[in-house]
Amino acid sequence: MSTCESICSGLQYDRHCSEFFNNQIWRIEDVARVLGVSIGHIYNILSKSRKMRRKDGLPHRKRGKLLYFFPKEVLDWIDKGE
């Protein structure tokens, strides 16, 4: 079972799962939902990586005040176990 399938099986809205994973960009709410954590926890992960100047933190892009995530990068980050 792929990472995508295993994550999708845990989501509450399975019928929309293929649409969800076909999105090319996720927002922070989407990442929190996939990881099963709060949005605040995602901010904590990002903050910790930034403070420690780590390059292996949760991959994201920032445009203005908004954060964007690419699904493949997030899933690869999960696979690495970081």
C-alpha atoms as a PDB file:
ATOM      1  CA  MET A   1       0.000   0.000   0.000  1.00  0.00           C
ATOM      2  CA  SER A   2       1.406   3.386  -0.971  1.00  0.00           C
ATOM      3  CA  THR A   3       1.712   6.281   1.460  1.00  0.00           C
ATOM      4  CA  CYS A   4      -1.068   8.066  -0.399  1.00  0.00           C
ATOM      5  CA  GLU A   5      -3.413   5.088  -0.049  1.00  0.00           C
ATOM      6  CA  SER A   6      -2.620   4.553   3.626  1.00  0.00           C
ATOM      7  CA  ILE A   7      -3.202   8.206   4.452  1.00  0.00           C
ATOM      8  CA  CYS A   8      -6.346   8.275   2.336  1.00  0.00           C
ATOM      9  CA  SER A   9      -7.806   5.301   4.173  1.00  0.00           C
ATOM     10  CA  GLY A  10      -7.607   7.240   7.445  1.00  0.00           C
ATOM     11  CA  LEU A  11      -9.412  10.298   6.147  1.00  0.00           C
ATOM     12  CA  GLN A  12     -13.040  10.800   7.051  1.00  0.00           C
ATOM     13  CA  TYR A  13     -14.081  11.858   3.583  1.00  0.00           C
ATOM     14  CA  ASP A  14     -12.877   8.927   1.481  1.00  0.00           C
ATOM     15  CA  ARG A  15     -15.172   9.661  -1.469  1.00  0.00           C
ATOM     16  CA  HIS A  16     -13.312  12.935  -2.069  1.00  0.00           C
ATOM     17  CA  CYS A  17      -9.899  11.424  -1.484  1.00  0.00           C
ATOM     18  CA  SER A  18      -8.824  11.210  -5.125  1.00  0.00           C
ATOM     19  CA  GLU A  19      -9.755  14.859  -5.642  1.00  0.00           C
ATOM     20  CA  PHE A  20      -7.836  15.786  -2.485  1.00  0.00           C
ATOM     21  CA  PHE A  21      -4.627  14.054  -3.584  1.00  0.00           C
ATOM     22  CA  ASN A  22      -4.932  15.346  -7.125  1.00  0.00           C
ATOM     23  CA  ASN A  23      -4.699  18.924  -5.859  1.00  0.00           C
ATOM     24  CA  GLN A  24      -1.348  20.301  -6.846  1.00  0.00           C
ATOM     25  CA  ILE A  25      -1.072  22.591  -3.831  1.00  0.00           C
ATOM     26  CA  TRP A  26      -2.193  22.068  -0.245  1.00  0.00           C
ATOM     27  CA  ARG A  27      -2.809  24.691   2.386  1.00  0.00           C
ATOM     28  CA  ILE A  28      -1.865  24.240   6.025  1.00  0.00           C
ATOM     29  CA  GLU A  29      -5.348  22.902   6.848  1.00  0.00           C
ATOM     30  CA  ASP A  30      -4.879  20.101   4.316  1.00  0.00           C
ATOM     31  CA  VAL A  31      -1.481  19.105   5.722  1.00  0.00           C
ATOM     32  CA  ALA A  32      -2.857  19.074   9.272  1.00  0.00           C
ATOM     33  CA  ARG A  33      -5.767  16.876   8.158  1.00  0.00           C
ATOM     34  CA  VAL A  34      -3.469  14.409   6.371  1.00  0.00           C
ATOM     35  CA  LEU A  35      -1.077  14.175   9.322  1.00  0.00           C
ATOM     36  CA  GLY A  36      -3.938  13.979  11.822  1.00  0.00           C
ATOM     37  CA  VAL A  37      -2.674  16.891  13.906  1.00  0.00           C
ATOM     38  CA  SER A  38      -3.811  20.428  14.665  1.00  0.00           C
ATOM     39  CA  ILE A  39      -2.899  23.419  12.549  1.00  0.00           C
ATOM     40  CA  GLY A  40      -1.016  24.776  15.564  1.00  0.00           C
ATOM     41  CA  HIS A  41       1.140  21.655  15.594  1.00  0.00           C
ATOM     42  CA  ILE A  42       2.102  22.244  11.950  1.00  0.00           C
ATOM     43  CA  TYR A  43       3.114  25.809  12.838  1.00  0.00           C
ATOM     44  CA  ASN A  44       5.214  24.408  15.706  1.00  0.00           C
ATOM     45  CA  ILE A  45       6.983  21.983  13.359  1.00  0.00           C
ATOM     46  CA  LEU A  46       7.749  24.810  10.926  1.00  0.00           C
ATOM     47  CA  SER A  47       8.886  27.155  13.692  1.00  0.00           C
ATOM     48  CA  LYS A  48      11.202  24.566  15.223  1.00  0.00           C
ATOM     49  CA  SER A  49      12.803  23.846  11.839  1.00  0.00           C
ATOM     50  CA  ARG A  50      13.287  27.551  11.179  1.00  0.00           C
ATOM     51  CA  LYS A  51      14.823  28.249  14.596  1.00  0.00           C
ATOM     52  CA  MET A  52      17.246  25.364  14.188  1.00  0.00           C
ATOM     53  CA  ARG A  53      17.924  26.395  10.576  1.00  0.00           C
ATOM     54  CA  ARG A  54      17.246  22.849   9.448  1.00  0.00           C
ATOM     55  CA  LYS A  55      16.917  22.088   5.758  1.00  0.00           C
ATOM     56  CA  ASP A  56      15.158  18.774   6.406  1.00  0.00           C
ATOM     57  CA  GLY A  57      12.012  20.268   7.962  1.00  0.00           C
ATOM     58  CA  LEU A  58       8.513  20.058   6.558  1.00  0.00           C
ATOM     59  CA  PRO A  59       8.832  21.358   2.967  1.00  0.00           C
ATOM     60  CA  HIS A  60       6.717  24.408   2.204  1.00  0.00           C
ATOM     61  CA  ARG A  61       6.633  27.676   0.293  1.00  0.00           C
ATOM     62  CA  LYS A  62       5.683  31.042   1.732  1.00  0.00           C
ATOM     63  CA  ARG A  63       4.100  33.763  -0.362  1.00  0.00           C
ATOM     64  CA  GLY A  64       3.317  36.829   1.683  1.00  0.00           C
ATOM     65  CA  LYS A  65       1.623  35.562   4.826  1.00  0.00           C
ATOM     66  CA  LEU A  66       0.349  32.350   3.231  1.00  0.00           C
ATOM     67  CA  LEU A  67       1.953  28.912   3.346  1.00  0.00           C
ATOM     68  CA  TYR A  68       1.709  26.423   0.491  1.00  0.00           C
ATOM     69  CA  PHE A  69       2.663  22.746   0.422  1.00  0.00           C
ATOM     70  CA  PHE A  70       3.184  20.381  -2.491  1.00  0.00           C
ATOM     71  CA  PRO A  71       1.586  16.980  -1.713  1.00  0.00           C
ATOM     72  CA  LYS A  72       4.470  14.934  -3.155  1.00  0.00           C
ATOM     73  CA  GLU A  73       7.025  16.805  -1.027  1.00  0.00           C
ATOM     74  CA  VAL A  74       4.947  16.335   2.132  1.00  0.00           C
ATOM     75  CA  LEU A  75       4.484  12.613   1.431  1.00  0.00           C
ATOM     76  CA  ASP A  76       8.213  12.222   0.710  1.00  0.00           C
ATOM     77  CA  TRP A  77       8.964  13.998   4.020  1.00  0.00           C
ATOM     78  CA  ILE A  78       6.691  11.526   5.804  1.00  0.00           C
ATOM     79  CA  ASP A  79       8.413   8.585   4.078  1.00  0.00           C
ATOM     80  CA  LYS A  80      11.817   9.852   5.251  1.00  0.00           C
ATOM     81  CA  GLY A  81      10.552   9.705   8.821  1.00  0.00           C
ATOM     82  CA  GLU A  82      11.691  13.211   9.714  1.00  0.00           C
END
